[in-house]
Amino acid sequence: MKFTIPGEPVPKERPRRGPHGNWYTPRATKAYEDTVAYSAMAAGSKLTGPVVLNTTVYTSNRKLDMDNVLKSLADGLNGHGYDDDRQICELHMYRVWSANPRVEVELKETQETTEDP
């Protein structure tokens, strides 16, 4: 499954506590995770076995926190690209400076290594 998520990638923000003590995901994070989910749904059916996640992040933001972008992508793909991000057993992530921000994603099923070589 291959697809592109348009726009500047959004790093996952920490959960916030509301005025009545409830916890919530910040709006920008939630909106980006929804965009990731819609992009994955449009690309095809979700994968059920172990997966390899390949991503290329095109960004103009020199201070972009890549591990938090990964969290947004992985959480946005939950239930849409795969059942749960625990299925990721291999990961490749690249950053490219670009005036055309986007994230290109490739998800593919693989065989999970179950023993130490």
PDB file of N, CA and C in Angstrom:
ATOM      1  N   MET A   1       0.850  -1.165   0.000  1.00  0.00           N
ATOM      2  CA  MET A   1       0.000   0.000   0.000  1.00  0.00           C
ATOM      3  C   MET A   1       0.900   1.234   0.000  1.00  0.00           C
ATOM      4  N   LYS A   2       0.692   2.120  -0.958  1.00  0.00           N
ATOM      5  CA  LYS A   2       1.446   3.368  -1.030  1.00  0.00           C
ATOM      6  C   LYS A   2       0.463   4.528  -1.106  1.00  0.00           C
ATOM      7  N   PHE A   3       0.788   5.615  -0.406  1.00  0.00           N
ATOM      8  CA  PHE A   3      -0.053   6.803  -0.469  1.00  0.00           C
ATOM      9  C   PHE A   3       0.735   8.016  -0.010  1.00  0.00           C
ATOM     10  N   THR A   4       0.195   9.187  -0.312  1.00  0.00           N
ATOM     11  CA  THR A   4       0.824  10.457   0.065  1.00  0.00           C
ATOM     12  C   THR A   4      -0.111  11.236   0.968  1.00  0.00           C
ATOM     13  N   ILE A   5       0.444  11.789   2.028  1.00  0.00           N
ATOM     14  CA  ILE A   5      -0.303  12.654   2.940  1.00  0.00           C
ATOM     15  C   ILE A   5       0.110  14.085   2.616  1.00  0.00           C
ATOM     16  N   PRO A   6      -0.811  14.891   2.120  1.00  0.00           N
ATOM     17  CA  PRO A   6      -0.448  16.245   1.701  1.00  0.00           C
ATOM     18  C   PRO A   6      -0.205  17.181   2.885  1.00  0.00           C
ATOM     19  N   GLY A   7       0.588  18.207   2.646  1.00  0.00           N
ATOM     20  CA  GLY A   7       0.795  19.253   3.650  1.00  0.00           C
ATOM     21  C   GLY A   7       1.974  18.997   4.566  1.00  0.00           C
ATOM     22  N   GLU A   8       2.272  20.011   5.357  1.00  0.00           N
ATOM     23  CA  GLU A   8       3.381  19.947   6.312  1.00  0.00           C
ATOM     24  C   GLU A   8       3.069  18.898   7.382  1.00  0.00           C
ATOM     25  N   PRO A   9       3.991  17.970   7.654  1.00  0.00           N
ATOM     26  CA  PRO A   9       3.773  16.970   8.698  1.00  0.00           C
ATOM     27  C   PRO A   9       3.631  17.639  10.065  1.00  0.00           C
ATOM     28  N   VAL A  10       2.793  17.036  10.907  1.00  0.00           N
ATOM     29  CA  VAL A  10       2.523  17.595  12.235  1.00  0.00           C
ATOM     30  C   VAL A  10       3.018  16.620  13.300  1.00  0.00           C
ATOM     31  N   PRO A  11       3.991  17.031  14.113  1.00  0.00           N
ATOM     32  CA  PRO A  11       4.461  16.164  15.201  1.00  0.00           C
ATOM     33  C   PRO A  11       3.372  15.970  16.249  1.00  0.00           C
ATOM     34  N   LYS A  12       3.344  14.800  16.854  1.00  0.00           N
ATOM     35  CA  LYS A  12       2.369  14.523  17.906  1.00  0.00           C
ATOM     36  C   LYS A  12       2.702  15.354  19.133  1.00  0.00           C
ATOM     37  N   GLU A  13       1.688  16.047  19.640  1.00  0.00           N
ATOM     38  CA  GLU A  13       1.844  16.836  20.861  1.00  0.00           C
ATOM     39  C   GLU A  13       1.431  15.987  22.061  1.00  0.00           C
ATOM     40  N   ARG A  14       1.877  16.388  23.220  1.00  0.00           N
ATOM     41  CA  ARG A  14       1.500  15.687  24.446  1.00  0.00           C
ATOM     42  C   ARG A  14       0.016  15.895  24.729  1.00  0.00           C
ATOM     43  N   PRO A  15      -0.635  14.893  25.338  1.00  0.00           N
ATOM     44  CA  PRO A  15      -2.035  15.078  25.740  1.00  0.00           C
ATOM     45  C   PRO A  15      -2.142  16.257  26.722  1.00  0.00           C
ATOM     46  N   ARG A  16      -3.274  16.928  26.681  1.00  0.00           N
ATOM     47  CA  ARG A  16      -3.520  18.087  27.550  1.00  0.00           C
ATOM     48  C   ARG A  16      -4.638  17.762  28.534  1.00  0.00           C
ATOM     49  N   ARG A  17      -4.585  18.407  29.691  1.00  0.00           N
ATOM     50  CA  ARG A  17      -5.647  18.255  30.675  1.00  0.00           C
ATOM     51  C   ARG A  17      -6.590  19.441  30.554  1.00  0.00           C
ATOM     52  N   GLY A  18      -7.866  19.136  30.373  1.00  0.00           N
ATOM     53  CA  GLY A  18      -8.882  20.171  30.237  1.00  0.00           C
ATOM     54  C   GLY A  18      -9.258  20.791  31.572  1.00  0.00           C
ATOM     55  N   PRO A  19     -10.102  21.824  31.549  1.00  0.00           N
ATOM     56  CA  PRO A  19     -10.474  22.537  32.774  1.00  0.00           C
ATOM     57  C   PRO A  19     -11.245  21.680  33.778  1.00  0.00           C
ATOM     58  N   HIS A  20     -11.868  20.598  33.307  1.00  0.00           N
ATOM     59  CA  HIS A  20     -12.632  19.729  34.209  1.00  0.00           C
ATOM     60  C   HIS A  20     -11.880  18.447  34.545  1.00  0.00           C
ATOM     61  N   GLY A  21     -10.565  18.426  34.262  1.00  0.00           N
ATOM     62  CA  GLY A  21      -9.726  17.291  34.614  1.00  0.00           C
ATOM     63  C   GLY A  21      -9.649  16.188  33.566  1.00  0.00           C
ATOM     64  N   ASN A  22     -10.390  16.342  32.466  1.00  0.00           N
ATOM     65  CA  ASN A  22     -10.331  15.315  31.424  1.00  0.00           C
ATOM     66  C   ASN A  22      -9.124  15.544  30.517  1.00  0.00           C
ATOM     67  N   TRP A  23      -8.604  14.452  29.959  1.00  0.00           N
ATOM     68  CA  TRP A  23      -7.447  14.513  29.074  1.00  0.00           C
ATOM     69  C   TRP A  23      -7.918  14.499  27.636  1.00  0.00           C
ATOM     70  N   TYR A  24      -7.225  15.230  26.764  1.00  0.00           N
ATOM     71  CA  TYR A  24      -7.604  15.274  25.359  1.00  0.00           C
ATOM     72  C   TYR A  24      -6.364  15.432  24.488  1.00  0.00           C
ATOM     73  N   THR A  25      -6.524  15.060  23.224  1.00  0.00           N
ATOM     74  CA  THR A  25      -5.465  15.227  22.225  1.00  0.00           C
ATOM     75  C   THR A  25      -5.612  16.619  21.619  1.00  0.00           C
ATOM     76  N   PRO A  26      -4.536  17.401  21.536  1.00  0.00           N
ATOM     77  CA  PRO A  26      -4.626  18.743  20.939  1.00  0.00           C
ATOM     78  C   PRO A  26      -5.193  18.692  19.516  1.00  0.00           C
ATOM     79  N   ARG A  27      -5.913  19.747  19.135  1.00  0.00           N
ATOM     80  CA  ARG A  27      -6.615  19.797  17.848  1.00  0.00           C
ATOM     81  C   ARG A  27      -5.708  19.559  16.642  1.00  0.00           C
ATOM     82  N   ALA A  28      -4.547  20.195  16.614  1.00  0.00           N
ATOM     83  CA  ALA A  28      -3.651  20.043  15.451  1.00  0.00           C
ATOM     84  C   ALA A  28      -3.216  18.589  15.283  1.00  0.00           C
ATOM     85  N   THR A  29      -2.915  17.928  16.390  1.00  0.00           N
ATOM     86  CA  THR A  29      -2.520  16.522  16.343  1.00  0.00           C
ATOM     87  C   THR A  29      -3.674  15.665  15.858  1.00  0.00           C
ATOM     88  N   LYS A  30      -4.849  15.868  16.411  1.00  0.00           N
ATOM     89  CA  LYS A  30      -6.033  15.088  16.034  1.00  0.00           C
ATOM     90  C   LYS A  30      -6.357  15.285  14.557  1.00  0.00           C
ATOM     91  N   ALA A  31      -6.298  16.519  14.084  1.00  0.00           N
ATOM     92  CA  ALA A  31      -6.605  16.804  12.674  1.00  0.00           C
ATOM     93  C   ALA A  31      -5.602  16.101  11.751  1.00  0.00           C
ATOM     94  N   TYR A  32      -4.317  16.118  12.111  1.00  0.00           N
ATOM     95  CA  TYR A  32      -3.317  15.462  11.270  1.00  0.00           C
ATOM     96  C   TYR A  32      -3.503  13.947  11.290  1.00  0.00           C
ATOM     97  N   GLU A  33      -3.763  13.363  12.452  1.00  0.00           N
ATOM     98  CA  GLU A  33      -3.998  11.926  12.532  1.00  0.00           C
ATOM     99  C   GLU A  33      -5.214  11.531  11.690  1.00  0.00           C
ATOM    100  N   ASP A  34      -6.247  12.382  11.661  1.00  0.00           N
ATOM    101  CA  ASP A  34      -7.416  12.125  10.811  1.00  0.00           C
ATOM    102  C   ASP A  34      -7.026  12.166   9.335  1.00  0.00           C
ATOM    103  N   THR A  35      -6.183  13.117   8.943  1.00  0.00           N
ATOM    104  CA  THR A  35      -5.715  13.201   7.552  1.00  0.00           C
ATOM    105  C   THR A  35      -4.932  11.949   7.176  1.00  0.00           C
ATOM    106  N   VAL A  36      -4.089  11.473   8.079  1.00  0.00           N
ATOM    107  CA  VAL A  36      -3.331  10.239   7.850  1.00  0.00           C
ATOM    108  C   VAL A  36      -4.304   9.070   7.660  1.00  0.00           C
ATOM    109  N   ALA A  37      -5.302   8.976   8.529  1.00  0.00           N
ATOM    110  CA  ALA A  37      -6.282   7.888   8.448  1.00  0.00           C
ATOM    111  C   ALA A  37      -7.051   7.920   7.128  1.00  0.00           C
ATOM    112  N   TYR A  38      -7.524   9.087   6.720  1.00  0.00           N
ATOM    113  CA  TYR A  38      -8.269   9.206   5.458  1.00  0.00           C
ATOM    114  C   TYR A  38      -7.393   8.831   4.266  1.00  0.00           C
ATOM    115  N   SER A  39      -6.136   9.243   4.294  1.00  0.00           N
ATOM    116  CA  SER A  39      -5.211   8.916   3.204  1.00  0.00           C
ATOM    117  C   SER A  39      -4.998   7.407   3.118  1.00  0.00           C
ATOM    118  N   ALA A  40      -4.865   6.757   4.262  1.00  0.00           N
ATOM    119  CA  ALA A  40      -4.675   5.302   4.283  1.00  0.00           C
ATOM    120  C   ALA A  40      -5.931   4.580   3.811  1.00  0.00           C
ATOM    121  N   MET A  41      -7.098   5.042   4.250  1.00  0.00           N
ATOM    122  CA  MET A  41      -8.351   4.402   3.827  1.00  0.00           C
ATOM    123  C   MET A  41      -8.532   4.503   2.320  1.00  0.00           C
ATOM    124  N   ALA A  42      -8.178   5.644   1.744  1.00  0.00           N
ATOM    125  CA  ALA A  42      -8.316   5.840   0.304  1.00  0.00           C
ATOM    126  C   ALA A  42      -7.356   4.945  -0.487  1.00  0.00           C
ATOM    127  N   ALA A  43      -6.247   4.536   0.152  1.00  0.00           N
ATOM    128  CA  ALA A  43      -5.223   3.742  -0.534  1.00  0.00           C
ATOM    129  C   ALA A  43      -5.582   2.265  -0.620  1.00  0.00           C
ATOM    130  N   GLY A  44      -6.453   1.785   0.251  1.00  0.00           N
ATOM    131  CA  GLY A  44      -6.806   0.369   0.194  1.00  0.00           C
ATOM    132  C   GLY A  44      -7.101  -0.209   1.557  1.00  0.00           C
ATOM    133  N   SER A  45      -7.181  -1.532   1.604  1.00  0.00           N
ATOM    134  CA  SER A  45      -7.546  -2.215   2.839  1.00  0.00           C
ATOM    135  C   SER A  45      -6.355  -2.305   3.792  1.00  0.00           C
ATOM    136  N   LYS A  46      -6.668  -2.403   5.073  1.00  0.00           N
ATOM    137  CA  LYS A  46      -5.599  -2.442   6.072  1.00  0.00           C
ATOM    138  C   LYS A  46      -4.907  -3.798   6.091  1.00  0.00           C
ATOM    139  N   LEU A  47      -3.664  -3.773   6.526  1.00  0.00           N
ATOM    140  CA  LEU A  47      -2.842  -4.980   6.602  1.00  0.00           C
ATOM    141  C   LEU A  47      -3.052  -5.642   7.957  1.00  0.00           C
ATOM    142  N   THR A  48      -3.019  -6.972   7.973  1.00  0.00           N
ATOM    143  CA  THR A  48      -3.335  -7.691   9.212  1.00  0.00           C
ATOM    144  C   THR A  48      -2.138  -8.359   9.872  1.00  0.00           C
ATOM    145  N   GLY A  49      -1.048  -8.540   9.133  1.00  0.00           N
ATOM    146  CA  GLY A  49       0.125  -9.203   9.695  1.00  0.00           C
ATOM    147  C   GLY A  49       1.203  -8.210  10.056  1.00  0.00           C
ATOM    148  N   PRO A  50       2.414  -8.697  10.325  1.00  0.00           N
ATOM    149  CA  PRO A  50       3.542  -7.818  10.605  1.00  0.00           C
ATOM    150  C   PRO A  50       3.804  -6.906   9.404  1.00  0.00           C
ATOM    151  N   VAL A  51       4.170  -5.656   9.657  1.00  0.00           N
ATOM    152  CA  VAL A  51       4.353  -4.698   8.564  1.00  0.00           C
ATOM    153  C   VAL A  51       5.696  -3.994   8.623  1.00  0.00           C
ATOM    154  N   VAL A  52       6.128  -3.556   7.438  1.00  0.00           N
ATOM    155  CA  VAL A  52       7.271  -2.667   7.279  1.00  0.00           C
ATOM    156  C   VAL A  52       6.680  -1.302   6.945  1.00  0.00           C
ATOM    157  N   LEU A  53       7.100  -0.272   7.658  1.00  0.00           N
ATOM    158  CA  LEU A  53       6.640   1.091   7.412  1.00  0.00           C
ATOM    159  C   LEU A  53       7.808   1.890   6.845  1.00  0.00           C
ATOM    160  N   ASN A  54       7.664   2.338   5.591  1.00  0.00           N
ATOM    161  CA  ASN A  54       8.650   3.190   4.941  1.00  0.00           C
ATOM    162  C   ASN A  54       8.031   4.576   4.777  1.00  0.00           C
ATOM    163  N   THR A  55       8.705   5.598   5.247  1.00  0.00           N
ATOM    164  CA  THR A  55       8.182   6.957   5.110  1.00  0.00           C
ATOM    165  C   THR A  55       9.279   7.893   4.621  1.00  0.00           C
ATOM    166  N   THR A  56       8.881   8.811   3.765  1.00  0.00           N
ATOM    167  CA  THR A  56       9.752   9.901   3.365  1.00  0.00           C
ATOM    168  C   THR A  56       9.005  11.182   3.701  1.00  0.00           C
ATOM    169  N   VAL A  57       9.589  11.970   4.570  1.00  0.00           N
ATOM    170  CA  VAL A  57       8.982  13.213   5.043  1.00  0.00           C
ATOM    171  C   VAL A  57       9.607  14.370   4.281  1.00  0.00           C
ATOM    172  N   TYR A  58       8.800  15.039   3.478  1.00  0.00           N
ATOM    173  CA  TYR A  58       9.241  16.224   2.741  1.00  0.00           C
ATOM    174  C   TYR A  58       8.769  17.429   3.531  1.00  0.00           C
ATOM    175  N   THR A  59       9.707  18.268   3.970  1.00  0.00           N
ATOM    176  CA  THR A  59       9.353  19.379   4.850  1.00  0.00           C
ATOM    177  C   THR A  59      10.235  20.588   4.597  1.00  0.00           C
ATOM    178  N   SER A  60       9.702  21.748   4.927  1.00  0.00           N
ATOM    179  CA  SER A  60      10.494  22.982   4.889  1.00  0.00           C
ATOM    180  C   SER A  60      10.861  23.416   6.304  1.00  0.00           C
ATOM    181  N   ASN A  61      10.375  22.684   7.309  1.00  0.00           N
ATOM    182  CA  ASN A  61      10.593  23.011   8.718  1.00  0.00           C
ATOM    183  C   ASN A  61      11.910  22.391   9.203  1.00  0.00           C
ATOM    184  N   ARG A  62      12.925  23.199   9.389  1.00  0.00           N
ATOM    185  CA  ARG A  62      14.244  22.705   9.804  1.00  0.00           C
ATOM    186  C   ARG A  62      14.268  22.215  11.255  1.00  0.00           C
ATOM    187  N   LYS A  63      13.247  22.551  12.041  1.00  0.00           N
ATOM    188  CA  LYS A  63      13.219  22.146  13.448  1.00  0.00           C
ATOM    189  C   LYS A  63      12.221  21.013  13.702  1.00  0.00           C
ATOM    190  N   LEU A  64      11.785  20.345  12.645  1.00  0.00           N
ATOM    191  CA  LEU A  64      10.780  19.298  12.764  1.00  0.00           C
ATOM    192  C   LEU A  64      11.305  18.138  13.611  1.00  0.00           C
ATOM    193  N   ASP A  65      10.528  17.734  14.595  1.00  0.00           N
ATOM    194  CA  ASP A  65      10.872  16.648  15.501  1.00  0.00           C
ATOM    195  C   ASP A  65      10.399  15.331  14.882  1.00  0.00           C
ATOM    196  N   MET A  66      11.316  14.613  14.260  1.00  0.00           N
ATOM    197  CA  MET A  66      10.957  13.436  13.463  1.00  0.00           C
ATOM    198  C   MET A  66      10.340  12.301  14.282  1.00  0.00           C
ATOM    199  N   ASP A  67      10.788  12.081  15.523  1.00  0.00           N
ATOM    200  CA  ASP A  67      10.194  10.978  16.278  1.00  0.00           C
ATOM    201  C   ASP A  67       8.744  11.271  16.628  1.00  0.00           C
ATOM    202  N   ASN A  68       8.388  12.538  16.826  1.00  0.00           N
ATOM    203  CA  ASN A  68       6.991  12.877  17.094  1.00  0.00           C
ATOM    204  C   ASN A  68       6.145  12.850  15.825  1.00  0.00           C
ATOM    205  N   VAL A  69       6.746  13.106  14.667  1.00  0.00           N
ATOM    206  CA  VAL A  69       6.031  12.920  13.399  1.00  0.00           C
ATOM    207  C   VAL A  69       5.711  11.436  13.236  1.00  0.00           C
ATOM    208  N   LEU A  70       6.670  10.579  13.551  1.00  0.00           N
ATOM    209  CA  LEU A  70       6.443   9.138  13.477  1.00  0.00           C
ATOM    210  C   LEU A  70       5.266   8.730  14.363  1.00  0.00           C
ATOM    211  N   LYS A  71       5.182   9.293  15.561  1.00  0.00           N
ATOM    212  CA  LYS A  71       4.071   8.972  16.464  1.00  0.00           C
ATOM    213  C   LYS A  71       2.734   9.379  15.855  1.00  0.00           C
ATOM    214  N   SER A  72       2.675  10.555  15.228  1.00  0.00           N
ATOM    215  CA  SER A  72       1.437  10.986  14.566  1.00  0.00           C
ATOM    216  C   SER A  72       1.060  10.036  13.434  1.00  0.00           C
ATOM    217  N   LEU A  73       2.052   9.648  12.641  1.00  0.00           N
ATOM    218  CA  LEU A  73       1.792   8.732  11.530  1.00  0.00           C
ATOM    219  C   LEU A  73       1.325   7.370  12.041  1.00  0.00           C
ATOM    220  N   ALA A  74       2.059   6.804  12.985  1.00  0.00           N
ATOM    221  CA  ALA A  74       1.737   5.471  13.499  1.00  0.00           C
ATOM    222  C   ALA A  74       0.353   5.446  14.144  1.00  0.00           C
ATOM    223  N   ASP A  75       0.026   6.469  14.930  1.00  0.00           N
ATOM    224  CA  ASP A  75      -1.284   6.516  15.572  1.00  0.00           C
ATOM    225  C   ASP A  75      -2.397   6.775  14.568  1.00  0.00           C
ATOM    226  N   GLY A  76      -2.140   7.598  13.557  1.00  0.00           N
ATOM    227  CA  GLY A  76      -3.138   7.854  12.524  1.00  0.00           C
ATOM    228  C   GLY A  76      -3.438   6.623  11.685  1.00  0.00           C
ATOM    229  N   LEU A  77      -2.455   5.743  11.540  1.00  0.00           N
ATOM    230  CA  LEU A  77      -2.638   4.519  10.763  1.00  0.00           C
ATOM    231  C   LEU A  77      -3.355   3.420  11.545  1.00  0.00           C
ATOM    232  N   ASN A  78      -3.430   3.552  12.874  1.00  0.00           N
ATOM    233  CA  ASN A  78      -4.126   2.555  13.691  1.00  0.00           C
ATOM    234  C   ASN A  78      -5.576   2.402  13.220  1.00  0.00           C
ATOM    235  N   GLY A  79      -5.948   1.162  12.906  1.00  0.00           N
ATOM    236  CA  GLY A  79      -7.309   0.879  12.482  1.00  0.00           C
ATOM    237  C   GLY A  79      -7.587   1.182  11.023  1.00  0.00           C
ATOM    238  N   HIS A  80      -6.599   1.744  10.301  1.00  0.00           N
ATOM    239  CA  HIS A  80      -6.824   2.118   8.898  1.00  0.00           C
ATOM    240  C   HIS A  80      -5.755   1.532   7.979  1.00  0.00           C
ATOM    241  N   GLY A  81      -4.478   1.673   8.321  1.00  0.00           N
ATOM    242  CA  GLY A  81      -3.399   1.069   7.545  1.00  0.00           C
ATOM    243  C   GLY A  81      -3.080  -0.324   8.067  1.00  0.00           C
ATOM    244  N   TYR A  82      -3.309  -0.506   9.352  1.00  0.00           N
ATOM    245  CA  TYR A  82      -3.140  -1.779  10.041  1.00  0.00           C
ATOM    246  C   TYR A  82      -4.039  -1.749  11.264  1.00  0.00           C
ATOM    247  N   ASP A  83      -4.151  -2.894  11.951  1.00  0.00           N
ATOM    248  CA  ASP A  83      -5.009  -2.935  13.132  1.00  0.00           C
ATOM    249  C   ASP A  83      -4.428  -2.107  14.274  1.00  0.00           C
ATOM    250  N   ASP A  84      -3.124  -2.256  14.514  1.00  0.00           N
ATOM    251  CA  ASP A  84      -2.470  -1.559  15.618  1.00  0.00           C
ATOM    252  C   ASP A  84      -0.994  -1.359  15.284  1.00  0.00           C
ATOM    253  N   ASP A  85      -0.412  -0.268  15.766  1.00  0.00           N
ATOM    254  CA  ASP A  85       0.990   0.014  15.439  1.00  0.00           C
ATOM    255  C   ASP A  85       1.960  -0.994  16.055  1.00  0.00           C
ATOM    256  N   ARG A  86       1.491  -1.897  16.894  1.00  0.00           N
ATOM    257  CA  ARG A  86       2.342  -2.984  17.390  1.00  0.00           C
ATOM    258  C   ARG A  86       2.737  -3.931  16.264  1.00  0.00           C
ATOM    259  N   GLN A  87       2.040  -3.856  15.129  1.00  0.00           N
ATOM    260  CA  GLN A  87       2.354  -4.704  13.977  1.00  0.00           C
ATOM    261  C   GLN A  87       3.619  -4.253  13.259  1.00  0.00           C
ATOM    262  N   ILE A  88       4.087  -3.035  13.517  1.00  0.00           N
ATOM    263  CA  ILE A  88       5.289  -2.538  12.851  1.00  0.00           C
ATOM    264  C   ILE A  88       6.495  -3.304  13.406  1.00  0.00           C
ATOM    265  N   CYS A  89       7.191  -4.011  12.518  1.00  0.00           N
ATOM    266  CA  CYS A  89       8.384  -4.735  12.972  1.00  0.00           C
ATOM    267  C   CYS A  89       9.640  -4.231  12.269  1.00  0.00           C
ATOM    268  N   GLU A  90       9.465  -3.345  11.286  1.00  0.00           N
ATOM    269  CA  GLU A  90      10.598  -2.726  10.615  1.00  0.00           C
ATOM    270  C   GLU A  90      10.170  -1.329  10.196  1.00  0.00           C
ATOM    271  N   LEU A  91      11.109  -0.376  10.320  1.00  0.00           N
ATOM    272  CA  LEU A  91      10.781   1.020  10.065  1.00  0.00           C
ATOM    273  C   LEU A  91      11.930   1.712   9.348  1.00  0.00           C
ATOM    274  N   HIS A  92      11.584   2.487   8.315  1.00  0.00           N
ATOM    275  CA  HIS A  92      12.564   3.313   7.603  1.00  0.00           C
ATOM    276  C   HIS A  92      11.938   4.698   7.472  1.00  0.00           C
ATOM    277  N   MET A  93      12.660   5.718   7.923  1.00  0.00           N
ATOM    278  CA  MET A  93      12.128   7.075   7.880  1.00  0.00           C
ATOM    279  C   MET A  93      13.207   8.009   7.365  1.00  0.00           C
ATOM    280  N   TYR A  94      12.846   8.802   6.372  1.00  0.00           N
ATOM    281  CA  TYR A  94      13.788   9.726   5.746  1.00  0.00           C
ATOM    282  C   TYR A  94      13.197  11.131   5.755  1.00  0.00           C
ATOM    283  N   ARG A  95      14.064  12.127   5.873  1.00  0.00           N
ATOM    284  CA  ARG A  95      13.633  13.525   5.800  1.00  0.00           C
ATOM    285  C   ARG A  95      14.302  14.158   4.589  1.00  0.00           C
ATOM    286  N   VAL A  96      13.503  14.924   3.823  1.00  0.00           N
ATOM    287  CA  VAL A  96      13.992  15.625   2.643  1.00  0.00           C
ATOM    288  C   VAL A  96      13.515  17.066   2.750  1.00  0.00           C
ATOM    289  N   TRP A  97      14.421  18.023   2.587  1.00  0.00           N
ATOM    290  CA  TRP A  97      14.030  19.430   2.604  1.00  0.00           C
ATOM    291  C   TRP A  97      13.311  19.737   1.304  1.00  0.00           C
ATOM    292  N   SER A  98      12.131  20.349   1.392  1.00  0.00           N
ATOM    293  CA  SER A  98      11.327  20.584   0.199  1.00  0.00           C
ATOM    294  C   SER A  98      10.392  21.766   0.389  1.00  0.00           C
ATOM    295  N   ALA A  99      10.121  22.476  -0.701  1.00  0.00           N
ATOM    296  CA  ALA A  99       9.128  23.544  -0.684  1.00  0.00           C
ATOM    297  C   ALA A  99       7.725  22.976  -0.898  1.00  0.00           C
ATOM    298  N   ASN A 100       7.610  21.678  -1.169  1.00  0.00           N
ATOM    299  CA  ASN A 100       6.335  20.995  -1.364  1.00  0.00           C
ATOM    300  C   ASN A 100       6.157  19.956  -0.255  1.00  0.00           C
ATOM    301  N   PRO A 101       5.721  20.390   0.951  1.00  0.00           N
ATOM    302  CA  PRO A 101       5.652  19.468   2.089  1.00  0.00           C
ATOM    303  C   PRO A 101       4.596  18.380   1.913  1.00  0.00           C
ATOM    304  N   ARG A 102       4.978  17.173   2.342  1.00  0.00           N
ATOM    305  CA  ARG A 102       4.095  16.020   2.273  1.00  0.00           C
ATOM    306  C   ARG A 102       4.816  14.850   2.945  1.00  0.00           C
ATOM    307  N   VAL A 103       4.098  13.761   3.120  1.00  0.00           N
ATOM    308  CA  VAL A 103       4.710  12.521   3.600  1.00  0.00           C
ATOM    309  C   VAL A 103       4.295  11.411   2.651  1.00  0.00           C
ATOM    310  N   GLU A 104       5.266  10.702   2.123  1.00  0.00           N
ATOM    311  CA  GLU A 104       4.997   9.546   1.280  1.00  0.00           C
ATOM    312  C   GLU A 104       5.168   8.298   2.140  1.00  0.00           C
ATOM    313  N   VAL A 105       4.151   7.451   2.133  1.00  0.00           N
ATOM    314  CA  VAL A 105       4.108   6.274   2.999  1.00  0.00           C
ATOM    315  C   VAL A 105       3.999   5.017   2.150  1.00  0.00           C
ATOM    316  N   GLU A 106       4.763   4.018   2.533  1.00  0.00           N
ATOM    317  CA  GLU A 106       4.610   2.685   1.961  1.00  0.00           C
ATOM    318  C   GLU A 106       4.494   1.708   3.123  1.00  0.00           C
ATOM    319  N   LEU A 107       3.426   0.938   3.129  1.00  0.00           N
ATOM    320  CA  LEU A 107       3.209  -0.118   4.116  1.00  0.00           C
ATOM    321  C   LEU A 107       3.198  -1.440   3.374  1.00  0.00           C
ATOM    322  N   LYS A 108       3.952  -2.409   3.873  1.00  0.00           N
ATOM    323  CA  LYS A 108       3.901  -3.727   3.251  1.00  0.00           C
ATOM    324  C   LYS A 108       4.023  -4.798   4.318  1.00  0.00           C
ATOM    325  N   GLU A 109       3.360  -5.913   4.053  1.00  0.00           N
ATOM    326  CA  GLU A 109       3.428  -7.030   4.984  1.00  0.00           C
ATOM    327  C   GLU A 109       4.779  -7.718   4.856  1.00  0.00           C
ATOM    328  N   THR A 110       5.210  -8.307   5.948  1.00  0.00           N
ATOM    329  CA  THR A 110       6.501  -8.981   5.989  1.00  0.00           C
ATOM    330  C   THR A 110       6.412 -10.180   6.930  1.00  0.00           C
ATOM    331  N   GLN A 111       7.482 -10.907   6.989  1.00  0.00           N
ATOM    332  CA  GLN A 111       7.583 -11.992   7.963  1.00  0.00           C
ATOM    333  C   GLN A 111       8.287 -11.458   9.198  1.00  0.00           C
ATOM    334  N   GLU A 112       7.677 -11.646  10.349  1.00  0.00           N
ATOM    335  CA  GLU A 112       8.276 -11.174  11.583  1.00  0.00           C
ATOM    336  C   GLU A 112       9.362 -12.153  12.035  1.00  0.00           C
ATOM    337  N   THR A 113      10.501 -11.610  12.443  1.00  0.00           N
ATOM    338  CA  THR A 113      11.568 -12.440  12.976  1.00  0.00           C
ATOM    339  C   THR A 113      11.209 -12.791  14.418  1.00  0.00           C
ATOM    340  N   THR A 114      11.176 -14.071  14.715  1.00  0.00           N
ATOM    341  CA  THR A 114      10.747 -14.489  16.039  1.00  0.00           C
ATOM    342  C   THR A 114      11.877 -14.994  16.922  1.00  0.00           C
ATOM    343  N   GLU A 115      13.067 -15.205  16.337  1.00  0.00           N
ATOM    344  CA  GLU A 115      14.187 -15.699  17.130  1.00  0.00           C
ATOM    345  C   GLU A 115      15.435 -14.878  16.862  1.00  0.00           C
ATOM    346  N   ASP A 116      16.287 -14.809  17.844  1.00  0.00           N
ATOM    347  CA  ASP A 116      17.572 -14.140  17.712  1.00  0.00           C
ATOM    348  C   ASP A 116      18.480 -15.008  16.830  1.00  0.00           C
ATOM    349  N   PRO A 117      19.110 -14.432  15.804  1.00  0.00           N
ATOM    350  CA  PRO A 117      19.944 -15.268  14.905  1.00  0.00           C
ATOM    351  C   PRO A 117      21.174 -15.836  15.580  1.00  0.00           C
TER     352      PRO A 117
END
